[in-house]
PDB file of all heavy atoms in Angstrom:
ATOM      1  N   PHE A   1      -9.546  -3.941   3.995  1.00  0.00           N
ATOM      2  CA  PHE A   1      -8.701  -5.132   3.930  1.00  0.00           C
ATOM      3  C   PHE A   1      -7.830  -4.934   2.705  1.00  0.00           C
ATOM      4  O   PHE A   1      -8.241  -5.171   1.580  1.00  0.00           O
ATOM      5  CB  PHE A   1      -9.617  -6.361   3.807  1.00  0.00           C
ATOM      6  CG  PHE A   1      -8.919  -7.673   3.997  1.00  0.00           C
ATOM      7  CD1 PHE A   1      -8.330  -7.991   5.210  1.00  0.00           C
ATOM      8  CD2 PHE A   1      -8.871  -8.586   2.973  1.00  0.00           C
ATOM      9  CE1 PHE A   1      -7.694  -9.208   5.389  1.00  0.00           C
ATOM     10  CE2 PHE A   1      -8.240  -9.810   3.144  1.00  0.00           C
ATOM     11  CZ  PHE A   1      -7.655 -10.120   4.348  1.00  0.00           C
ATOM     12  N   GLY A   2      -6.599  -4.402   2.889  1.00  0.00           N
ATOM     13  CA  GLY A   2      -5.820  -3.894   1.771  1.00  0.00           C
ATOM     14  C   GLY A   2      -4.448  -4.487   1.591  1.00  0.00           C
ATOM     15  O   GLY A   2      -4.257  -5.695   1.639  1.00  0.00           O
ATOM     16  N   VAL A   3      -3.459  -3.614   1.381  1.00  0.00           N
ATOM     17  CA  VAL A   3      -2.115  -4.009   0.968  1.00  0.00           C
ATOM     18  C   VAL A   3      -1.461  -4.971   1.966  1.00  0.00           C
ATOM     19  O   VAL A   3      -0.976  -6.039   1.571  1.00  0.00           O
ATOM     20  CB  VAL A   3      -1.228  -2.769   0.728  1.00  0.00           C
ATOM     21  CG1 VAL A   3       0.218  -3.175   0.478  1.00  0.00           C
ATOM     22  CG2 VAL A   3      -1.760  -1.950  -0.439  1.00  0.00           C
ATOM     23  N   ALA A   4      -1.406  -4.613   3.226  1.00  0.00           N
ATOM     24  CA  ALA A   4      -0.741  -5.475   4.215  1.00  0.00           C
ATOM     25  C   ALA A   4      -1.403  -6.846   4.282  1.00  0.00           C
ATOM     26  O   ALA A   4      -0.720  -7.875   4.327  1.00  0.00           O
ATOM     27  CB  ALA A   4      -0.751  -4.814   5.591  1.00  0.00           C
ATOM     28  N   GLN A   5      -2.717  -6.860   4.254  1.00  0.00           N
ATOM     29  CA  GLN A   5      -3.441  -8.122   4.313  1.00  0.00           C
ATOM     30  C   GLN A   5      -3.244  -8.934   3.030  1.00  0.00           C
ATOM     31  O   GLN A   5      -3.135 -10.158   3.066  1.00  0.00           O
ATOM     32  CB  GLN A   5      -4.927  -7.873   4.571  1.00  0.00           C
ATOM     33  CG  GLN A   5      -5.203  -7.284   5.935  1.00  0.00           C
ATOM     34  CD  GLN A   5      -4.996  -5.762   6.017  1.00  0.00           C
ATOM     35  OE1 GLN A   5      -4.751  -5.096   5.018  1.00  0.00           O
ATOM     36  NE2 GLN A   5      -5.086  -5.224   7.222  1.00  0.00           N
ATOM     37  N   ALA A   6      -3.162  -8.252   1.885  1.00  0.00           N
ATOM     38  CA  ALA A   6      -2.919  -8.942   0.618  1.00  0.00           C
ATOM     39  C   ALA A   6      -1.553  -9.625   0.635  1.00  0.00           C
ATOM     40  O   ALA A   6      -1.413 -10.771   0.187  1.00  0.00           O
ATOM     41  CB  ALA A   6      -3.010  -7.962  -0.551  1.00  0.00           C
ATOM     42  N   ILE A   7      -0.572  -8.938   1.148  1.00  0.00           N
ATOM     43  CA  ILE A   7       0.778  -9.508   1.231  1.00  0.00           C
ATOM     44  C   ILE A   7       0.768 -10.756   2.103  1.00  0.00           C
ATOM     45  O   ILE A   7       1.315 -11.803   1.736  1.00  0.00           O
ATOM     46  CB  ILE A   7       1.775  -8.459   1.744  1.00  0.00           C
ATOM     47  CG1 ILE A   7       1.980  -7.384   0.673  1.00  0.00           C
ATOM     48  CG2 ILE A   7       3.094  -9.104   2.164  1.00  0.00           C
ATOM     49  CD1 ILE A   7       2.643  -6.127   1.177  1.00  0.00           C
ATOM     50  N   GLU A   8       0.135 -10.654   3.252  1.00  0.00           N
ATOM     51  CA  GLU A   8       0.127 -11.806   4.171  1.00  0.00           C
ATOM     52  C   GLU A   8      -0.726 -12.949   3.630  1.00  0.00           C
ATOM     53  O   GLU A   8      -0.390 -14.127   3.818  1.00  0.00           O
ATOM     54  CB  GLU A   8      -0.314 -11.378   5.565  1.00  0.00           C
ATOM     55  CG  GLU A   8       0.681 -10.434   6.223  1.00  0.00           C
ATOM     56  CD  GLU A   8       2.132 -10.908   6.106  1.00  0.00           C
ATOM     57  OE1 GLU A   8       2.427 -12.081   6.445  1.00  0.00           O
ATOM     58  OE2 GLU A   8       2.985 -10.106   5.661  1.00  0.00           O
ATOM     59  N   LEU A   9      -1.802 -12.648   2.932  1.00  0.00           N
ATOM     60  CA  LEU A   9      -2.611 -13.699   2.311  1.00  0.00           C
ATOM     61  C   LEU A   9      -1.814 -14.400   1.217  1.00  0.00           C
ATOM     62  O   LEU A   9      -1.786 -15.633   1.136  1.00  0.00           O
ATOM     63  CB  LEU A   9      -3.910 -13.115   1.749  1.00  0.00           C
ATOM     64  CG  LEU A   9      -4.856 -14.098   1.066  1.00  0.00           C
ATOM     65  CD1 LEU A   9      -5.239 -15.242   2.006  1.00  0.00           C
ATOM     66  CD2 LEU A   9      -6.103 -13.360   0.574  1.00  0.00           C
ATOM     67  N   ALA A  10      -1.125 -13.621   0.378  1.00  0.00           N
ATOM     68  CA  ALA A  10      -0.291 -14.212  -0.671  1.00  0.00           C
ATOM     69  C   ALA A  10       0.818 -15.065  -0.059  1.00  0.00           C
ATOM     70  O   ALA A  10       1.134 -16.153  -0.557  1.00  0.00           O
ATOM     71  CB  ALA A  10       0.297 -13.120  -1.560  1.00  0.00           C
ATOM     72  N   ARG A  11       1.393 -14.588   1.051  1.00  0.00           N
ATOM     73  CA  ARG A  11       2.436 -15.362   1.735  1.00  0.00           C
ATOM     74  C   ARG A  11       1.854 -16.703   2.226  1.00  0.00           C
ATOM     75  O   ARG A  11       2.455 -17.763   2.028  1.00  0.00           O
ATOM     76  CB  ARG A  11       3.005 -14.563   2.912  1.00  0.00           C
ATOM     77  CG  ARG A  11       4.236 -15.184   3.534  1.00  0.00           C
ATOM     78  CD  ARG A  11       4.742 -14.468   4.792  1.00  0.00           C
ATOM     79  NE  ARG A  11       4.686 -13.039   4.808  1.00  0.00           N
ATOM     80  CZ  ARG A  11       5.570 -12.220   4.213  1.00  0.00           C
ATOM     81  NH1 ARG A  11       6.572 -12.734   3.529  1.00  0.00           N
ATOM     82  NH2 ARG A  11       5.441 -10.913   4.310  1.00  0.00           N
ATOM     83  N   ALA A  12       0.679 -16.648   2.847  1.00  0.00           N
ATOM     84  CA  ALA A  12       0.051 -17.860   3.370  1.00  0.00           C
ATOM     85  C   ALA A  12      -0.310 -18.842   2.256  1.00  0.00           C
ATOM     86  O   ALA A  12      -0.245 -20.063   2.451  1.00  0.00           O
ATOM     87  CB  ALA A  12      -1.200 -17.495   4.172  1.00  0.00           C
ATOM     88  N   LEU A  13      -0.667 -18.319   1.097  1.00  0.00           N
ATOM     89  CA  LEU A  13      -1.027 -19.162  -0.048  1.00  0.00           C
ATOM     90  C   LEU A  13       0.188 -19.644  -0.837  1.00  0.00           C
ATOM     91  O   LEU A  13       0.040 -20.424  -1.784  1.00  0.00           O
ATOM     92  CB  LEU A  13      -1.973 -18.401  -0.991  1.00  0.00           C
ATOM     93  CG  LEU A  13      -3.337 -18.036  -0.424  1.00  0.00           C
ATOM     94  CD1 LEU A  13      -4.079 -17.113  -1.376  1.00  0.00           C
ATOM     95  CD2 LEU A  13      -4.143 -19.307  -0.140  1.00  0.00           C
ATOM     96  N   GLY A  14       1.366 -19.165  -0.468  1.00  0.00           N
ATOM     97  CA  GLY A  14       2.576 -19.538  -1.182  1.00  0.00           C
ATOM     98  C   GLY A  14       2.718 -18.870  -2.537  1.00  0.00           C
ATOM     99  O   GLY A  14       3.470 -19.327  -3.388  1.00  0.00           O
ATOM    100  N   SER A  15       2.015 -17.747  -2.727  1.00  0.00           N
ATOM    101  CA  SER A  15       2.059 -17.066  -4.031  1.00  0.00           C
ATOM    102  C   SER A  15       2.703 -15.683  -3.980  1.00  0.00           C
ATOM    103  O   SER A  15       2.674 -14.954  -4.967  1.00  0.00           O
ATOM    104  CB  SER A  15       0.643 -16.955  -4.611  1.00  0.00           C
ATOM    105  OG  SER A  15      -0.178 -16.136  -3.790  1.00  0.00           O
ATOM    106  N   LEU A  16       3.305 -15.335  -2.831  1.00  0.00           N
ATOM    107  CA  LEU A  16       3.984 -14.047  -2.740  1.00  0.00           C
ATOM    108  C   LEU A  16       5.230 -14.089  -3.628  1.00  0.00           C
ATOM    109  O   LEU A  16       6.015 -15.027  -3.553  1.00  0.00           O
ATOM    110  CB  LEU A  16       4.388 -13.747  -1.294  1.00  0.00           C
ATOM    111  CG  LEU A  16       4.949 -12.344  -1.037  1.00  0.00           C
ATOM    112  CD1 LEU A  16       3.852 -11.291  -1.194  1.00  0.00           C
ATOM    113  CD2 LEU A  16       5.558 -12.266   0.356  1.00  0.00           C
ATOM    114  N   PRO A  17       5.411 -13.102  -4.495  1.00  0.00           N
ATOM    115  CA  PRO A  17       6.606 -13.093  -5.349  1.00  0.00           C
ATOM    116  C   PRO A  17       7.872 -13.143  -4.504  1.00  0.00           C
ATOM    117  O   PRO A  17       7.912 -12.640  -3.376  1.00  0.00           O
ATOM    118  CB  PRO A  17       6.495 -11.768  -6.097  1.00  0.00           C
ATOM    119  CG  PRO A  17       5.035 -11.467  -6.095  1.00  0.00           C
ATOM    120  CD  PRO A  17       4.530 -11.978  -4.769  1.00  0.00           C
ATOM    121  N   ARG A  18       8.935 -13.712  -5.065  1.00  0.00           N
ATOM    122  CA  ARG A  18      10.185 -13.866  -4.309  1.00  0.00           C
ATOM    123  C   ARG A  18      10.808 -12.526  -3.959  1.00  0.00           C
ATOM    124  O   ARG A  18      11.576 -12.421  -3.018  1.00  0.00           O
ATOM    125  CB  ARG A  18      11.170 -14.746  -5.056  1.00  0.00           C
ATOM    126  CG  ARG A  18      11.583 -14.204  -6.401  1.00  0.00           C
ATOM    127  CD  ARG A  18      12.500 -15.159  -7.102  1.00  0.00           C
ATOM    128  NE  ARG A  18      12.705 -14.731  -8.478  1.00  0.00           N
ATOM    129  CZ  ARG A  18      13.648 -15.183  -9.242  1.00  0.00           C
ATOM    130  NH1 ARG A  18      14.483 -16.088  -8.773  1.00  0.00           N
ATOM    131  NH2 ARG A  18      13.771 -14.765 -10.468  1.00  0.00           N
ATOM    132  N   ASP A  19      10.505 -11.487  -4.728  1.00  0.00           N
ATOM    133  CA  ASP A  19      10.959 -10.123  -4.432  1.00  0.00           C
ATOM    134  C   ASP A  19       9.720  -9.249  -4.402  1.00  0.00           C
ATOM    135  O   ASP A  19       9.087  -9.014  -5.425  1.00  0.00           O
ATOM    136  CB  ASP A  19      11.939  -9.648  -5.512  1.00  0.00           C
ATOM    137  CG  ASP A  19      12.482  -8.241  -5.248  1.00  0.00           C
ATOM    138  OD1 ASP A  19      12.062  -7.599  -4.261  1.00  0.00           O
ATOM    139  OD2 ASP A  19      13.320  -7.782  -6.044  1.00  0.00           O
ATOM    140  N   CYS A  20       9.352  -8.799  -3.225  1.00  0.00           N
ATOM    141  CA  CYS A  20       8.155  -7.968  -3.067  1.00  0.00           C
ATOM    142  C   CYS A  20       8.495  -6.799  -2.148  1.00  0.00           C
ATOM    143  O   CYS A  20       8.948  -7.007  -1.023  1.00  0.00           O
ATOM    144  CB  CYS A  20       7.007  -8.791  -2.494  1.00  0.00           C
ATOM    145  SG  CYS A  20       5.418  -7.924  -2.492  1.00  0.00           S
ATOM    146  N   ARG A  21       8.323  -5.591  -2.672  1.00  0.00           N
ATOM    147  CA  ARG A  21       8.638  -4.392  -1.905  1.00  0.00           C
ATOM    148  C   ARG A  21       7.446  -3.436  -1.914  1.00  0.00           C
ATOM    149  O   ARG A  21       6.732  -3.342  -2.904  1.00  0.00           O
ATOM    150  CB  ARG A  21       9.852  -3.682  -2.501  1.00  0.00           C
ATOM    151  CG  ARG A  21      11.141  -4.431  -2.255  1.00  0.00           C
ATOM    152  CD  ARG A  21      12.307  -3.795  -2.942  1.00  0.00           C
ATOM    153  NE  ARG A  21      12.515  -4.507  -4.209  1.00  0.00           N
ATOM    154  CZ  ARG A  21      13.186  -4.038  -5.237  1.00  0.00           C
ATOM    155  NH1 ARG A  21      13.726  -2.839  -5.189  1.00  0.00           N
ATOM    156  NH2 ARG A  21      13.332  -4.755  -6.319  1.00  0.00           N
ATOM    157  N   VAL A  22       7.299  -2.722  -0.820  1.00  0.00           N
ATOM    158  CA  VAL A  22       6.262  -1.703  -0.693  1.00  0.00           C
ATOM    159  C   VAL A  22       6.941  -0.356  -0.521  1.00  0.00           C
ATOM    160  O   VAL A  22       7.791  -0.188   0.355  1.00  0.00           O
ATOM    161  CB  VAL A  22       5.321  -1.983   0.501  1.00  0.00           C
ATOM    162  CG1 VAL A  22       4.338  -0.827   0.697  1.00  0.00           C
ATOM    163  CG2 VAL A  22       4.575  -3.304   0.299  1.00  0.00           C
ATOM    164  N   TYR A  23       6.560   0.583  -1.382  1.00  0.00           N
ATOM    165  CA  TYR A  23       6.993   1.974  -1.275  1.00  0.00           C
ATOM    166  C   TYR A  23       5.827   2.720  -0.639  1.00  0.00           C
ATOM    167  O   TYR A  23       4.749   2.808  -1.221  1.00  0.00           O
ATOM    168  CB  TYR A  23       7.294   2.561  -2.655  1.00  0.00           C
ATOM    169  CG  TYR A  23       8.536   2.012  -3.306  1.00  0.00           C
ATOM    170  CD1 TYR A  23       8.562   0.725  -3.841  1.00  0.00           C
ATOM    171  CD2 TYR A  23       9.691   2.780  -3.387  1.00  0.00           C
ATOM    172  CE1 TYR A  23       9.708   0.218  -4.448  1.00  0.00           C
ATOM    173  CE2 TYR A  23      10.842   2.279  -3.991  1.00  0.00           C
ATOM    174  CZ  TYR A  23      10.837   1.000  -4.517  1.00  0.00           C
ATOM    175  OH  TYR A  23      11.968   0.510  -5.114  1.00  0.00           O
ATOM    176  N   ALA A  24       6.035   3.221   0.566  1.00  0.00           N
ATOM    177  CA  ALA A  24       4.986   3.939   1.298  1.00  0.00           C
ATOM    178  C   ALA A  24       5.309   5.425   1.317  1.00  0.00           C
ATOM    179  O   ALA A  24       6.417   5.820   1.695  1.00  0.00           O
ATOM    180  CB  ALA A  24       4.889   3.399   2.724  1.00  0.00           C
ATOM    181  N   ILE A  25       4.338   6.233   0.900  1.00  0.00           N
ATOM    182  CA  ILE A  25       4.486   7.691   0.900  1.00  0.00           C
ATOM    183  C   ILE A  25       3.527   8.252   1.937  1.00  0.00           C
ATOM    184  O   ILE A  25       2.310   8.043   1.857  1.00  0.00           O
ATOM    185  CB  ILE A  25       4.170   8.289  -0.488  1.00  0.00           C
ATOM    186  CG1 ILE A  25       5.113   7.716  -1.546  1.00  0.00           C
ATOM    187  CG2 ILE A  25       4.250   9.815  -0.438  1.00  0.00           C
ATOM    188  CD1 ILE A  25       4.772   8.132  -2.980  1.00  0.00           C
ATOM    189  N   GLU A  26       4.089   8.936   2.932  1.00  0.00           N
ATOM    190  CA  GLU A  26       3.261   9.504   3.995  1.00  0.00           C
ATOM    191  C   GLU A  26       2.356  10.600   3.453  1.00  0.00           C
ATOM    192  O   GLU A  26       2.820  11.533   2.805  1.00  0.00           O
ATOM    193  CB  GLU A  26       4.139  10.087   5.100  1.00  0.00           C
ATOM    194  CG  GLU A  26       4.914   9.050   5.874  1.00  0.00           C
ATOM    195  CD  GLU A  26       4.053   8.137   6.720  1.00  0.00           C
ATOM    196  OE1 GLU A  26       2.939   8.547   7.130  1.00  0.00           O
ATOM    197  OE2 GLU A  26       4.497   7.005   6.963  1.00  0.00           O
ATOM    198  N   GLY A  27       1.068  10.471   3.719  1.00  0.00           N
ATOM    199  CA  GLY A  27       0.092  11.448   3.263  1.00  0.00           C
ATOM    200  C   GLY A  27      -0.158  12.537   4.289  1.00  0.00           C
ATOM    201  O   GLY A  27       0.189  12.415   5.460  1.00  0.00           O
ATOM    202  N   GLU A  28      -0.773  13.595   3.809  1.00  0.00           N
ATOM    203  CA  GLU A  28      -1.134  14.732   4.669  1.00  0.00           C
ATOM    204  C   GLU A  28      -2.649  14.877   4.753  1.00  0.00           C
ATOM    205  O   GLU A  28      -3.204  15.090   5.809  1.00  0.00           O
ATOM    206  CB  GLU A  28      -0.506  16.000   4.099  1.00  0.00           C
ATOM    207  CG  GLU A  28      -0.744  17.240   4.903  1.00  0.00           C
ATOM    208  CD  GLU A  28       0.035  18.435   4.376  1.00  0.00           C
ATOM    209  OE1 GLU A  28       0.624  18.355   3.281  1.00  0.00           O
ATOM    210  OE2 GLU A  28       0.055  19.449   5.078  1.00  0.00           O
ATOM    211  N   SER A  29      -3.322  14.765   3.604  1.00  0.00           N
ATOM    212  CA  SER A  29      -4.761  14.963   3.548  1.00  0.00           C
ATOM    213  C   SER A  29      -5.397  13.866   2.698  1.00  0.00           C
ATOM    214  O   SER A  29      -4.954  13.596   1.583  1.00  0.00           O
ATOM    215  CB  SER A  29      -5.076  16.330   2.929  1.00  0.00           C
ATOM    216  OG  SER A  29      -6.463  16.446   2.681  1.00  0.00           O
ATOM    217  N   PHE A  30      -6.436  13.273   3.245  1.00  0.00           N
ATOM    218  CA  PHE A  30      -7.145  12.202   2.541  1.00  0.00           C
ATOM    219  C   PHE A  30      -8.608  12.595   2.317  1.00  0.00           C
ATOM    220  O   PHE A  30      -9.479  11.744   2.214  1.00  0.00           O
ATOM    221  CB  PHE A  30      -7.042  10.903   3.344  1.00  0.00           C
ATOM    222  CG  PHE A  30      -5.627  10.404   3.461  1.00  0.00           C
ATOM    223  CD1 PHE A  30      -4.818  10.812   4.518  1.00  0.00           C
ATOM    224  CD2 PHE A  30      -5.095   9.546   2.521  1.00  0.00           C
ATOM    225  CE1 PHE A  30      -3.508  10.364   4.631  1.00  0.00           C
ATOM    226  CE2 PHE A  30      -3.783   9.092   2.624  1.00  0.00           C
ATOM    227  CZ  PHE A  30      -2.991   9.499   3.678  1.00  0.00           C
ATOM    228  N   GLU A  31      -8.844  13.894   2.229  1.00  0.00           N
ATOM    229  CA  GLU A  31     -10.198  14.422   2.061  1.00  0.00           C
ATOM    230  C   GLU A  31     -10.746  14.111   0.677  1.00  0.00           C
ATOM    231  O   GLU A  31     -10.043  14.204  -0.328  1.00  0.00           O
ATOM    232  CB  GLU A  31     -10.202  15.940   2.270  1.00  0.00           C
ATOM    233  CG  GLU A  31      -9.800  16.380   3.663  1.00  0.00           C
ATOM    234  CD  GLU A  31     -10.753  15.897   4.734  1.00  0.00           C
ATOM    235  OE1 GLU A  31     -11.990  15.935   4.516  1.00  0.00           O
ATOM    236  OE2 GLU A  31     -10.275  15.448   5.784  1.00  0.00           O
ATOM    237  N   ALA A  32     -12.023  13.784   0.631  1.00  0.00           N
ATOM    238  CA  ALA A  32     -12.685  13.524  -0.651  1.00  0.00           C
ATOM    239  C   ALA A  32     -12.612  14.763  -1.532  1.00  0.00           C
ATOM    240  O   ALA A  32     -12.847  15.885  -1.073  1.00  0.00           O
ATOM    241  CB  ALA A  32     -14.134  13.128  -0.419  1.00  0.00           C
ATOM    242  N   GLY A  33     -12.241  14.561  -2.780  1.00  0.00           N
ATOM    243  CA  GLY A  33     -12.181  15.644  -3.752  1.00  0.00           C
ATOM    244  C   GLY A  33     -10.908  16.464  -3.741  1.00  0.00           C
ATOM    245  O   GLY A  33     -10.716  17.320  -4.598  1.00  0.00           O
ATOM    246  N   ALA A  34     -10.020  16.211  -2.784  1.00  0.00           N
ATOM    247  CA  ALA A  34      -8.779  16.989  -2.686  1.00  0.00           C
ATOM    248  C   ALA A  34      -7.747  16.481  -3.692  1.00  0.00           C
ATOM    249  O   ALA A  34      -7.764  15.326  -4.110  1.00  0.00           O
ATOM    250  CB  ALA A  34      -8.207  16.901  -1.271  1.00  0.00           C
ATOM    251  N   ALA A  35      -6.832  17.360  -4.068  1.00  0.00           N
ATOM    252  CA  ALA A  35      -5.697  16.988  -4.912  1.00  0.00           C
ATOM    253  C   ALA A  35      -4.558  16.510  -4.016  1.00  0.00           C
ATOM    254  O   ALA A  35      -4.622  16.635  -2.786  1.00  0.00           O
ATOM    255  CB  ALA A  35      -5.249  18.200  -5.732  1.00  0.00           C
ATOM    256  N   LEU A  36      -3.496  15.991  -4.633  1.00  0.00           N
ATOM    257  CA  LEU A  36      -2.312  15.637  -3.858  1.00  0.00           C
ATOM    258  C   LEU A  36      -1.750  16.885  -3.199  1.00  0.00           C
ATOM    259  O   LEU A  36      -1.702  17.956  -3.810  1.00  0.00           O
ATOM    260  CB  LEU A  36      -1.233  15.038  -4.762  1.00  0.00           C
ATOM    261  CG  LEU A  36      -1.478  13.653  -5.367  1.00  0.00           C
ATOM    262  CD1 LEU A  36      -0.314  13.283  -6.282  1.00  0.00           C
ATOM    263  CD2 LEU A  36      -1.670  12.604  -4.299  1.00  0.00           C
ATOM    264  N   SER A  37      -1.304  16.760  -1.966  1.00  0.00           N
ATOM    265  CA  SER A  37      -0.651  17.878  -1.289  1.00  0.00           C
ATOM    266  C   SER A  37       0.703  18.128  -1.950  1.00  0.00           C
ATOM    267  O   SER A  37       1.257  17.255  -2.624  1.00  0.00           O
ATOM    268  CB  SER A  37      -0.475  17.578   0.199  1.00  0.00           C
ATOM    269  OG  SER A  37       0.431  16.508   0.374  1.00  0.00           O
ATOM    270  N   ASP A  38       1.254  19.312  -1.767  1.00  0.00           N
ATOM    271  CA  ASP A  38       2.532  19.663  -2.384  1.00  0.00           C
ATOM    272  C   ASP A  38       3.657  18.717  -1.961  1.00  0.00           C
ATOM    273  O   ASP A  38       4.471  18.298  -2.781  1.00  0.00           O
ATOM    274  CB  ASP A  38       2.924  21.105  -2.042  1.00  0.00           C
ATOM    275  CG  ASP A  38       2.017  22.125  -2.711  1.00  0.00           C
ATOM    276  OD1 ASP A  38       1.337  21.770  -3.708  1.00  0.00           O
ATOM    277  OD2 ASP A  38       1.984  23.279  -2.243  1.00  0.00           O
ATOM    278  N   ARG A  39       3.710  18.380  -0.678  1.00  0.00           N
ATOM    279  CA  ARG A  39       4.787  17.505  -0.196  1.00  0.00           C
ATOM    280  C   ARG A  39       4.673  16.097  -0.767  1.00  0.00           C
ATOM    281  O   ARG A  39       5.676  15.478  -1.108  1.00  0.00           O
ATOM    282  CB  ARG A  39       4.795  17.472   1.328  1.00  0.00           C
ATOM    283  CG  ARG A  39       5.277  18.804   1.912  1.00  0.00           C
ATOM    284  CD  ARG A  39       5.562  18.656   3.365  1.00  0.00           C
ATOM    285  NE  ARG A  39       4.457  19.245   4.120  1.00  0.00           N
ATOM    286  CZ  ARG A  39       4.433  19.360   5.431  1.00  0.00           C
ATOM    287  NH1 ARG A  39       5.431  18.898   6.153  1.00  0.00           N
ATOM    288  NH2 ARG A  39       3.423  19.919   6.031  1.00  0.00           N
ATOM    289  N   VAL A  40       3.450  15.614  -0.905  1.00  0.00           N
ATOM    290  CA  VAL A  40       3.259  14.277  -1.479  1.00  0.00           C
ATOM    291  C   VAL A  40       3.539  14.307  -2.977  1.00  0.00           C
ATOM    292  O   VAL A  40       4.163  13.390  -3.514  1.00  0.00           O
ATOM    293  CB  VAL A  40       1.853  13.730  -1.150  1.00  0.00           C
ATOM    294  CG1 VAL A  40       1.536  12.478  -1.960  1.00  0.00           C
ATOM    295  CG2 VAL A  40       1.753  13.452   0.347  1.00  0.00           C
TER     296      VAL A  40
END
C-alpha cells in the first residue's frame, strides 16, 4: 500500500499539496542485494 494509495488517501483527506508530482523511473531488476542497473 504505497505511493499511489498515499496520493489518493491524501486527496480524500483534503491534505494533498496543491502541486504534487511523481517522477517514475522504470526499473529493470528488483532482486534483493542487487545494485542499481546501468540504465536506471
